[in-house]
PDB file of N, CA and C in Angstrom:
ATOM      1  N   MET A   1       0.925  -1.080   0.056  1.00  0.00           N
ATOM      2  CA  MET A   1      -0.019  -0.088   0.011  1.00  0.00           C
ATOM      3  C   MET A   1       0.833   1.110   0.104  1.00  0.00           C
ATOM      4  N   ASP A   2       0.495   2.408  -0.552  1.00  0.00           N
ATOM      5  CA  ASP A   2       1.318   3.375  -0.548  1.00  0.00           C
ATOM      6  C   ASP A   2       1.121   4.292   0.594  1.00  0.00           C
ATOM      7  N   GLY A   3       0.825   3.786   1.574  1.00  0.00           N
ATOM      8  CA  GLY A   3       0.973   4.528   2.942  1.00  0.00           C
ATOM      9  C   GLY A   3      -0.516   5.206   3.456  1.00  0.00           C
ATOM     10  N   VAL A   4      -1.475   5.182   2.512  1.00  0.00           N
ATOM     11  CA  VAL A   4      -2.621   5.635   2.837  1.00  0.00           C
ATOM     12  C   VAL A   4      -3.680   4.607   2.741  1.00  0.00           C
ATOM     13  N   VAL A   5      -4.208   4.123   3.934  1.00  0.00           N
ATOM     14  CA  VAL A   5      -5.251   3.063   3.867  1.00  0.00           C
ATOM     15  C   VAL A   5      -6.434   3.448   3.694  1.00  0.00           C
ATOM     16  N   PRO A   6      -7.367   3.236   2.674  1.00  0.00           N
ATOM     17  CA  PRO A   6      -8.682   3.405   2.502  1.00  0.00           C
ATOM     18  C   PRO A   6      -9.232   3.396   3.563  1.00  0.00           C
ATOM     19  N   GLY A   7     -10.435   4.417   3.743  1.00  0.00           N
ATOM     20  CA  GLY A   7     -11.355   4.212   4.860  1.00  0.00           C
ATOM     21  C   GLY A   7     -12.228   2.893   5.529  1.00  0.00           C
ATOM     22  N   PRO A   8     -12.589   2.342   4.440  1.00  0.00           N
ATOM     23  CA  PRO A   8     -13.253   1.026   4.524  1.00  0.00           C
ATOM     24  C   PRO A   8     -12.258   0.007   4.876  1.00  0.00           C
ATOM     25  N   VAL A   9     -11.056  -0.237   4.491  1.00  0.00           N
ATOM     26  CA  VAL A   9     -10.038  -1.074   5.136  1.00  0.00           C
ATOM     27  C   VAL A   9      -9.994  -0.750   6.484  1.00  0.00           C
ATOM     28  N   ARG A  10      -9.678   0.451   6.902  1.00  0.00           N
ATOM     29  CA  ARG A  10      -9.401   0.694   8.192  1.00  0.00           C
ATOM     30  C   ARG A  10     -10.554   0.290   8.962  1.00  0.00           C
ATOM     31  N   GLN A  11     -11.729   0.388   8.562  1.00  0.00           N
ATOM     32  CA  GLN A  11     -12.896   0.064   9.450  1.00  0.00           C
ATOM     33  C   GLN A  11     -12.849  -1.376   9.655  1.00  0.00           C
ATOM     34  N   GLU A  12     -12.618  -2.130   8.556  1.00  0.00           N
ATOM     35  CA  GLU A  12     -12.570  -3.524   8.496  1.00  0.00           C
ATOM     36  C   GLU A  12     -11.415  -4.394   9.504  1.00  0.00           C
ATOM     37  N   TRP A  13     -10.374  -3.598   9.467  1.00  0.00           N
ATOM     38  CA  TRP A  13      -9.377  -3.909  10.324  1.00  0.00           C
ATOM     39  C   TRP A  13      -9.581  -3.560  11.788  1.00  0.00           C
ATOM     40  N   LEU A  14     -10.259  -2.391  12.253  1.00  0.00           N
ATOM     41  CA  LEU A  14     -10.715  -2.148  13.370  1.00  0.00           C
ATOM     42  C   LEU A  14     -11.652  -3.100  13.858  1.00  0.00           C
ATOM     43  N   ALA A  15     -12.894  -3.341  13.048  1.00  0.00           N
ATOM     44  CA  ALA A  15     -13.607  -4.405  13.697  1.00  0.00           C
ATOM     45  C   ALA A  15     -13.117  -5.931  13.893  1.00  0.00           C
ATOM     46  N   GLU A  16     -11.992  -5.876  13.130  1.00  0.00           N
ATOM     47  CA  GLU A  16     -11.416  -7.394  13.323  1.00  0.00           C
ATOM     48  C   GLU A  16     -10.665  -7.251  14.788  1.00  0.00           C
ATOM     49  N   CYS A  17      -9.941  -6.142  14.851  1.00  0.00           N
ATOM     50  CA  CYS A  17      -9.104  -5.997  16.112  1.00  0.00           C
ATOM     51  C   CYS A  17     -10.378  -6.015  17.552  1.00  0.00           C
ATOM     52  N   GLU A  18     -11.385  -5.371  17.276  1.00  0.00           N
ATOM     53  CA  GLU A  18     -12.254  -5.339  18.170  1.00  0.00           C
ATOM     54  C   GLU A  18     -13.051  -6.669  18.468  1.00  0.00           C
ATOM     55  N   ASP A  19     -13.411  -7.412  17.807  1.00  0.00           N
ATOM     56  CA  ASP A  19     -13.775  -8.892  17.629  1.00  0.00           C
ATOM     57  C   ASP A  19     -12.697  -9.683  18.375  1.00  0.00           C
ATOM     58  N   VAL A  20     -11.438  -9.316  18.202  1.00  0.00           N
ATOM     59  CA  VAL A  20     -10.525 -10.111  19.005  1.00  0.00           C
ATOM     60  C   VAL A  20     -10.320  -9.655  20.505  1.00  0.00           C
ATOM     61  N   GLN A  21     -10.278  -8.230  20.809  1.00  0.00           N
ATOM     62  CA  GLN A  21      -9.907  -7.785  21.948  1.00  0.00           C
ATOM     63  C   GLN A  21     -11.362  -7.792  22.874  1.00  0.00           C
ATOM     64  N   GLY A  22     -12.482  -7.733  22.577  1.00  0.00           N
ATOM     65  CA  GLY A  22     -13.614  -7.486  23.267  1.00  0.00           C
ATOM     66  C   GLY A  22     -13.724  -8.668  24.342  1.00  0.00           C
ATOM     67  N   PRO A  23     -13.751  -9.982  23.920  1.00  0.00           N
ATOM     68  CA  PRO A  23     -13.614 -10.923  24.864  1.00  0.00           C
ATOM     69  C   PRO A  23     -12.503 -11.020  25.741  1.00  0.00           C
ATOM     70  N   ILE A  24     -11.453 -10.558  25.400  1.00  0.00           N
ATOM     71  CA  ILE A  24     -10.262 -10.452  26.214  1.00  0.00           C
ATOM     72  C   ILE A  24     -10.552  -9.331  27.438  1.00  0.00           C
ATOM     73  N   THR A  25     -10.933  -8.314  26.928  1.00  0.00           N
ATOM     74  CA  THR A  25     -11.363  -7.046  27.768  1.00  0.00           C
ATOM     75  C   THR A  25     -12.346  -7.525  28.839  1.00  0.00           C
ATOM     76  N   ALA A  26     -13.532  -8.062  28.233  1.00  0.00           N
ATOM     77  CA  ALA A  26     -14.567  -8.872  29.167  1.00  0.00           C
ATOM     78  C   ALA A  26     -14.220  -9.456  30.178  1.00  0.00           C
ATOM     79  N   ALA A  27     -13.313 -10.463  29.780  1.00  0.00           N
ATOM     80  CA  ALA A  27     -12.795 -11.428  30.819  1.00  0.00           C
ATOM     81  C   ALA A  27     -11.835 -10.844  31.921  1.00  0.00           C
ATOM     82  N   ARG A  28     -11.170  -9.961  31.438  1.00  0.00           N
ATOM     83  CA  ARG A  28     -10.138  -9.340  32.389  1.00  0.00           C
ATOM     84  C   ARG A  28     -11.098  -8.451  33.571  1.00  0.00           C
ATOM     85  N   ARG A  29     -12.332  -7.873  33.162  1.00  0.00           N
ATOM     86  CA  ARG A  29     -13.146  -7.143  33.932  1.00  0.00           C
ATOM     87  C   ARG A  29     -13.712  -8.190  34.765  1.00  0.00           C
ATOM     88  N   ASP A  30     -14.457  -9.053  34.288  1.00  0.00           N
ATOM     89  CA  ASP A  30     -15.256 -10.264  34.939  1.00  0.00           C
ATOM     90  C   ASP A  30     -14.284 -10.431  36.365  1.00  0.00           C
ATOM     91  N   ALA A  31     -12.910 -10.787  35.777  1.00  0.00           N
ATOM     92  CA  ALA A  31     -12.170 -11.470  36.759  1.00  0.00           C
ATOM     93  C   ALA A  31     -11.721 -10.648  38.125  1.00  0.00           C
ATOM     94  N   LEU A  32     -12.056  -9.227  38.105  1.00  0.00           N
ATOM     95  CA  LEU A  32     -11.662  -8.179  38.976  1.00  0.00           C
ATOM     96  C   LEU A  32     -13.047  -8.127  39.981  1.00  0.00           C
ATOM     97  N   VAL A  33     -14.267  -8.808  39.520  1.00  0.00           N
ATOM     98  CA  VAL A  33     -15.169  -8.716  40.293  1.00  0.00           C
ATOM     99  C   VAL A  33     -14.948  -9.404  41.667  1.00  0.00           C
ATOM    100  N   GLY A  34     -15.186  -8.710  42.665  1.00  0.00           N
ATOM    101  CA  GLY A  34     -14.797  -9.199  44.215  1.00  0.00           C
ATOM    102  C   GLY A  34     -13.375  -8.796  44.550  1.00  0.00           C
ATOM    103  N   ALA A  35     -12.588  -8.252  43.639  1.00  0.00           N
ATOM    104  CA  ALA A  35     -11.210  -7.805  44.459  1.00  0.00           C
ATOM    105  C   ALA A  35     -11.502  -6.438  45.010  1.00  0.00           C
ATOM    106  N   GLU A  36     -10.591  -6.209  45.954  1.00  0.00           N
ATOM    107  CA  GLU A  36     -10.502  -4.720  46.345  1.00  0.00           C
ATOM    108  C   GLU A  36      -9.446  -3.976  45.545  1.00  0.00           C
ATOM    109  N   LEU A  37      -9.879  -2.767  45.239  1.00  0.00           N
ATOM    110  CA  LEU A  37      -9.199  -1.730  44.536  1.00  0.00           C
ATOM    111  C   LEU A  37      -8.777  -0.506  45.245  1.00  0.00           C
ATOM    112  N   GLU A  38      -7.665   0.168  44.658  1.00  0.00           N
ATOM    113  CA  GLU A  38      -7.433   1.699  45.339  1.00  0.00           C
ATOM    114  C   GLU A  38      -7.701   2.272  44.084  1.00  0.00           C
ATOM    115  N   VAL A  39      -8.847   3.312  44.290  1.00  0.00           N
ATOM    116  CA  VAL A  39      -9.546   4.007  43.282  1.00  0.00           C
ATOM    117  C   VAL A  39      -9.326   5.505  43.529  1.00  0.00           C
ATOM    118  N   LEU A  40      -8.642   6.305  42.611  1.00  0.00           N
ATOM    119  CA  LEU A  40      -8.489   7.614  42.699  1.00  0.00           C
ATOM    120  C   LEU A  40      -9.979   8.382  42.138  1.00  0.00           C
ATOM    121  N   VAL A  41     -10.655   8.980  42.972  1.00  0.00           N
ATOM    122  CA  VAL A  41     -11.845   9.724  42.383  1.00  0.00           C
ATOM    123  C   VAL A  41     -11.512  10.849  41.688  1.00  0.00           C
ATOM    124  N   GLU A  42     -12.082  10.681  40.462  1.00  0.00           N
ATOM    125  CA  GLU A  42     -11.693  11.764  39.486  1.00  0.00           C
ATOM    126  C   GLU A  42     -13.038  12.924  39.334  1.00  0.00           C
ATOM    127  N   GLY A  43     -14.025  12.486  39.382  1.00  0.00           N
ATOM    128  CA  GLY A  43     -15.333  13.183  39.370  1.00  0.00           C
ATOM    129  C   GLY A  43     -16.719  12.584  39.268  1.00  0.00           C
ATOM    130  N   ARG A  44     -17.703  13.278  39.048  1.00  0.00           N
ATOM    131  CA  ARG A  44     -19.116  12.796  39.178  1.00  0.00           C
ATOM    132  C   ARG A  44     -19.642  12.741  37.756  1.00  0.00           C
ATOM    133  N   ASP A  45     -20.589  11.790  37.534  1.00  0.00           N
ATOM    134  CA  ASP A  45     -21.386  11.672  36.288  1.00  0.00           C
ATOM    135  C   ASP A  45     -22.548  12.507  36.295  1.00  0.00           C
ATOM    136  N   ASP A  46     -23.253  12.518  35.357  1.00  0.00           N
ATOM    137  CA  ASP A  46     -24.384  13.223  35.139  1.00  0.00           C
ATOM    138  C   ASP A  46     -25.535  12.980  36.256  1.00  0.00           C
ATOM    139  N   SER A  47     -25.603  11.829  36.968  1.00  0.00           N
ATOM    140  CA  SER A  47     -26.296  11.387  38.318  1.00  0.00           C
ATOM    141  C   SER A  47     -25.579  11.946  39.426  1.00  0.00           C
ATOM    142  N   ALA A  48     -24.475  12.462  39.102  1.00  0.00           N
ATOM    143  CA  ALA A  48     -23.899  12.920  40.628  1.00  0.00           C
ATOM    144  C   ALA A  48     -23.145  11.598  41.309  1.00  0.00           C
ATOM    145  N   ALA A  49     -22.918  10.687  40.547  1.00  0.00           N
ATOM    146  CA  ALA A  49     -22.249   9.465  41.144  1.00  0.00           C
ATOM    147  C   ALA A  49     -20.907   9.500  41.001  1.00  0.00           C
ATOM    148  N   PRO A  50     -20.105   9.444  41.963  1.00  0.00           N
ATOM    149  CA  PRO A  50     -18.598   9.470  41.723  1.00  0.00           C
ATOM    150  C   PRO A  50     -17.968   8.355  40.781  1.00  0.00           C
ATOM    151  N   TRP A  51     -16.939   8.486  40.158  1.00  0.00           N
ATOM    152  CA  TRP A  51     -16.184   7.923  39.463  1.00  0.00           C
ATOM    153  C   TRP A  51     -14.629   8.165  39.494  1.00  0.00           C
ATOM    154  N   GLY A  52     -14.050   6.911  39.257  1.00  0.00           N
ATOM    155  CA  GLY A  52     -12.508   7.205  39.262  1.00  0.00           C
ATOM    156  C   GLY A  52     -11.845   6.347  38.454  1.00  0.00           C
ATOM    157  N   ARG A  53     -10.538   6.037  38.749  1.00  0.00           N
ATOM    158  CA  ARG A  53      -9.648   5.059  38.231  1.00  0.00           C
ATOM    159  C   ARG A  53      -8.751   4.265  39.046  1.00  0.00           C
ATOM    160  N   THR A  54      -8.315   3.143  38.669  1.00  0.00           N
ATOM    161  CA  THR A  54      -7.342   2.435  39.815  1.00  0.00           C
ATOM    162  C   THR A  54      -6.019   2.488  38.691  1.00  0.00           C
ATOM    163  N   HIS A  55      -5.038   1.988  39.032  1.00  0.00           N
ATOM    164  CA  HIS A  55      -3.582   1.945  38.367  1.00  0.00           C
ATOM    165  C   HIS A  55      -4.065   1.266  36.811  1.00  0.00           C
ATOM    166  N   ARG A  56      -5.044   0.410  36.750  1.00  0.00           N
ATOM    167  CA  ARG A  56      -5.173  -0.090  35.643  1.00  0.00           C
ATOM    168  C   ARG A  56      -5.626   0.781  34.418  1.00  0.00           C
ATOM    169  N   GLU A  57      -6.209   1.839  34.570  1.00  0.00           N
ATOM    170  CA  GLU A  57      -7.265   2.592  33.725  1.00  0.00           C
ATOM    171  C   GLU A  57      -6.238   3.696  33.299  1.00  0.00           C
ATOM    172  N   ALA A  58      -6.176   3.994  31.818  1.00  0.00           N
ATOM    173  CA  ALA A  58      -5.550   5.115  31.731  1.00  0.00           C
ATOM    174  C   ALA A  58      -6.725   6.058  30.818  1.00  0.00           C
ATOM    175  N   PRO A  59      -6.674   7.473  31.240  1.00  0.00           N
ATOM    176  CA  PRO A  59      -7.484   8.271  30.742  1.00  0.00           C
ATOM    177  C   PRO A  59      -7.865   8.185  29.335  1.00  0.00           C
ATOM    178  N   GLU A  60      -9.009   8.471  28.640  1.00  0.00           N
ATOM    179  CA  GLU A  60      -9.204   8.580  27.174  1.00  0.00           C
ATOM    180  C   GLU A  60      -9.112   7.385  26.469  1.00  0.00           C
ATOM    181  N   ILE A  61      -8.796   6.086  27.334  1.00  0.00           N
ATOM    182  CA  ILE A  61      -8.421   4.932  26.518  1.00  0.00           C
ATOM    183  C   ILE A  61      -9.186   3.731  27.259  1.00  0.00           C
ATOM    184  N   ASP A  62      -9.257   3.738  28.662  1.00  0.00           N
ATOM    185  CA  ASP A  62      -9.766   2.471  29.363  1.00  0.00           C
ATOM    186  C   ASP A  62     -11.155   3.344  29.930  1.00  0.00           C
ATOM    187  N   GLY A  63     -11.798   2.001  30.707  1.00  0.00           N
ATOM    188  CA  GLY A  63     -13.007   2.469  31.263  1.00  0.00           C
ATOM    189  C   GLY A  63     -12.845   2.930  32.562  1.00  0.00           C
ATOM    190  N   ARG A  64     -13.882   3.152  33.334  1.00  0.00           N
ATOM    191  CA  ARG A  64     -13.948   3.673  34.682  1.00  0.00           C
ATOM    192  C   ARG A  64     -14.406   2.888  35.727  1.00  0.00           C
ATOM    193  N   VAL A  65     -13.995   3.296  37.083  1.00  0.00           N
ATOM    194  CA  VAL A  65     -14.603   2.634  38.323  1.00  0.00           C
ATOM    195  C   VAL A  65     -15.777   3.479  38.755  1.00  0.00           C
ATOM    196  N   HIS A  66     -17.158   2.982  38.616  1.00  0.00           N
ATOM    197  CA  HIS A  66     -17.903   3.783  39.166  1.00  0.00           C
ATOM    198  C   HIS A  66     -18.304   3.344  40.526  1.00  0.00           C
ATOM    199  N   LEU A  67     -18.586   4.397  41.246  1.00  0.00           N
ATOM    200  CA  LEU A  67     -18.460   4.154  42.912  1.00  0.00           C
ATOM    201  C   LEU A  67     -20.024   4.125  43.439  1.00  0.00           C
ATOM    202  N   THR A  68     -20.333   3.298  44.218  1.00  0.00           N
ATOM    203  CA  THR A  68     -21.997   3.166  44.744  1.00  0.00           C
ATOM    204  C   THR A  68     -22.394   4.236  45.778  1.00  0.00           C
ATOM    205  N   ASP A  69     -21.112   4.885  46.312  1.00  0.00           N
ATOM    206  CA  ASP A  69     -21.386   5.731  47.392  1.00  0.00           C
ATOM    207  C   ASP A  69     -20.455   7.012  47.262  1.00  0.00           C
ATOM    208  N   ALA A  70     -20.966   8.013  47.963  1.00  0.00           N
ATOM    209  CA  ALA A  70     -20.299   9.434  47.882  1.00  0.00           C
ATOM    210  C   ALA A  70     -18.862   9.138  48.189  1.00  0.00           C
ATOM    211  N   ALA A  71     -17.766   9.906  47.348  1.00  0.00           N
ATOM    212  CA  ALA A  71     -16.481   9.991  47.548  1.00  0.00           C
ATOM    213  C   ALA A  71     -16.302  11.345  46.770  1.00  0.00           C
ATOM    214  N   ALA A  72     -15.278  12.043  47.633  1.00  0.00           N
ATOM    215  CA  ALA A  72     -15.150  13.298  47.081  1.00  0.00           C
ATOM    216  C   ALA A  72     -13.839  13.386  45.969  1.00  0.00           C
ATOM    217  N   PRO A  73     -14.026  14.043  44.726  1.00  0.00           N
ATOM    218  CA  PRO A  73     -13.062  13.998  43.582  1.00  0.00           C
ATOM    219  C   PRO A  73     -11.490  14.398  44.481  1.00  0.00           C
ATOM    220  N   GLY A  74     -10.741  13.553  43.961  1.00  0.00           N
ATOM    221  CA  GLY A  74      -9.260  14.118  44.626  1.00  0.00           C
ATOM    222  C   GLY A  74      -8.955  12.823  45.595  1.00  0.00           C
ATOM    223  N   GLY A  75     -10.111  12.466  46.047  1.00  0.00           N
ATOM    224  CA  GLY A  75      -9.725  11.292  47.236  1.00  0.00           C
ATOM    225  C   GLY A  75      -9.330  10.012  46.571  1.00  0.00           C
ATOM    226  N   LEU A  76      -8.652   9.256  47.630  1.00  0.00           N
ATOM    227  CA  LEU A  76      -8.230   7.782  47.306  1.00  0.00           C
ATOM    228  C   LEU A  76      -9.254   6.974  48.388  1.00  0.00           C
ATOM    229  N   VAL A  77      -9.583   5.906  47.503  1.00  0.00           N
ATOM    230  CA  VAL A  77     -10.656   4.972  48.439  1.00  0.00           C
ATOM    231  C   VAL A  77     -10.242   3.700  48.052  1.00  0.00           C
ATOM    232  N   ARG A  78     -10.290   2.857  48.986  1.00  0.00           N
ATOM    233  CA  ARG A  78     -10.422   1.501  49.091  1.00  0.00           C
ATOM    234  C   ARG A  78     -11.821   0.977  48.628  1.00  0.00           C
ATOM    235  N   ALA A  79     -11.933   0.250  47.669  1.00  0.00           N
ATOM    236  CA  ALA A  79     -13.284  -0.087  47.270  1.00  0.00           C
ATOM    237  C   ALA A  79     -13.354  -1.665  46.688  1.00  0.00           C
ATOM    238  N   GLN A  80     -14.521  -2.284  46.876  1.00  0.00           N
ATOM    239  CA  GLN A  80     -14.564  -3.791  46.261  1.00  0.00           C
ATOM    240  C   GLN A  80     -15.325  -3.676  45.019  1.00  0.00           C
ATOM    241  N   ALA A  81     -14.844  -4.120  44.039  1.00  0.00           N
ATOM    242  CA  ALA A  81     -15.681  -4.287  42.588  1.00  0.00           C
ATOM    243  C   ALA A  81     -16.774  -5.124  43.093  1.00  0.00           C
ATOM    244  N   VAL A  82     -17.966  -4.865  42.447  1.00  0.00           N
ATOM    245  CA  VAL A  82     -19.248  -5.816  42.775  1.00  0.00           C
ATOM    246  C   VAL A  82     -19.913  -6.032  41.375  1.00  0.00           C
ATOM    247  N   GLU A  83     -19.224  -5.367  40.202  1.00  0.00           N
ATOM    248  CA  GLU A  83     -19.968  -5.791  39.019  1.00  0.00           C
ATOM    249  C   GLU A  83     -19.099  -5.161  37.760  1.00  0.00           C
ATOM    250  N   ALA A  84     -18.953  -6.009  36.680  1.00  0.00           N
ATOM    251  CA  ALA A  84     -18.433  -5.610  35.559  1.00  0.00           C
ATOM    252  C   ALA A  84     -19.475  -4.976  34.558  1.00  0.00           C
ATOM    253  N   LEU A  85     -19.109  -3.983  34.161  1.00  0.00           N
ATOM    254  CA  LEU A  85     -20.268  -3.048  33.237  1.00  0.00           C
ATOM    255  C   LEU A  85     -19.543  -2.824  31.900  1.00  0.00           C
ATOM    256  N   GLY A  86     -19.322  -3.655  31.076  1.00  0.00           N
ATOM    257  CA  GLY A  86     -18.713  -3.627  29.800  1.00  0.00           C
ATOM    258  C   GLY A  86     -17.145  -3.326  30.183  1.00  0.00           C
ATOM    259  N   VAL A  87     -16.634  -2.085  29.717  1.00  0.00           N
ATOM    260  CA  VAL A  87     -15.254  -1.730  30.111  1.00  0.00           C
ATOM    261  C   VAL A  87     -15.124  -1.138  31.398  1.00  0.00           C
ATOM    262  N   ASP A  88     -16.149  -0.682  31.807  1.00  0.00           N
ATOM    263  CA  ASP A  88     -16.040  -0.157  33.472  1.00  0.00           C
ATOM    264  C   ASP A  88     -16.362  -1.279  34.248  1.00  0.00           C
ATOM    265  N   LEU A  89     -16.264  -0.727  35.713  1.00  0.00           N
ATOM    266  CA  LEU A  89     -16.385  -1.606  37.035  1.00  0.00           C
ATOM    267  C   LEU A  89     -17.350  -0.614  37.713  1.00  0.00           C
ATOM    268  N   LEU A  90     -18.149  -1.298  38.713  1.00  0.00           N
ATOM    269  CA  LEU A  90     -19.046  -0.772  39.592  1.00  0.00           C
ATOM    270  C   LEU A  90     -18.390  -1.304  41.080  1.00  0.00           C
ATOM    271  N   ALA A  91     -18.066  -0.469  41.954  1.00  0.00           N
ATOM    272  CA  ALA A  91     -17.495  -0.579  42.964  1.00  0.00           C
ATOM    273  C   ALA A  91     -18.081  -0.074  44.318  1.00  0.00           C
ATOM    274  N   GLU A  92     -18.132  -0.529  45.285  1.00  0.00           N
ATOM    275  CA  GLU A  92     -18.609  -0.146  46.481  1.00  0.00           C
ATOM    276  C   GLU A  92     -17.206   0.203  47.511  1.00  0.00           C
ATOM    277  N   PRO A  93     -17.323   1.708  47.869  1.00  0.00           N
ATOM    278  CA  PRO A  93     -16.323   2.000  48.703  1.00  0.00           C
ATOM    279  C   PRO A  93     -16.166   1.330  50.178  1.00  0.00           C
ATOM    280  N   ILE A  94     -14.875   1.061  50.690  1.00  0.00           N
ATOM    281  CA  ILE A  94     -14.725   0.214  51.830  1.00  0.00           C
ATOM    282  C   ILE A  94     -14.323   1.215  52.856  1.00  0.00           C
ATOM    283  N   GLU A  95     -13.536   2.210  52.536  1.00  0.00           N
ATOM    284  CA  GLU A  95     -12.721   3.428  53.361  1.00  0.00           C
ATOM    285  C   GLU A  95     -11.791   4.391  52.552  1.00  0.00           C
ATOM    286  N   GLU A  96     -11.859   5.487  52.960  1.00  0.00           N
ATOM    287  CA  GLU A  96     -11.325   6.617  52.560  1.00  0.00           C
ATOM    288  C   GLU A  96      -9.668   6.426  52.971  1.00  0.00           C
ATOM    289  N   LEU A  97      -8.772   6.464  51.842  1.00  0.00           N
ATOM    290  CA  LEU A  97      -7.438   6.411  52.210  1.00  0.00           C
ATOM    291  C   LEU A  97      -6.733   7.624  52.324  1.00  0.00           C
ATOM    292  N   ALA A  98      -7.081   8.479  51.541  1.00  0.00           N
ATOM    293  CA  ALA A  98      -6.640   9.936  51.441  1.00  0.00           C
ATOM    294  C   ALA A  98      -7.533  11.090  51.325  1.00  0.00           C
TER     295      ALA A  98
END
């Protein structure tokens, strides 16, 4: 190819990658259910529920950890993952760490 991949070919390649990666991502998230996590609280969603990230999630690339209870943005909490939600996790805070 001359360096420019046509749009339809790019879309086909992306779909093939997603078909392979999707089950891997789901299995990794499912494996975290029940685990204790350290979550840096980054903000609140539209319903005012807090969300954050662990060391596993990169901004703009990976999912989020949605928390079931109030936690202040900027805080660090220990939480237990209770459900996988696609690329995200739902977790219940156990204690504030910082």
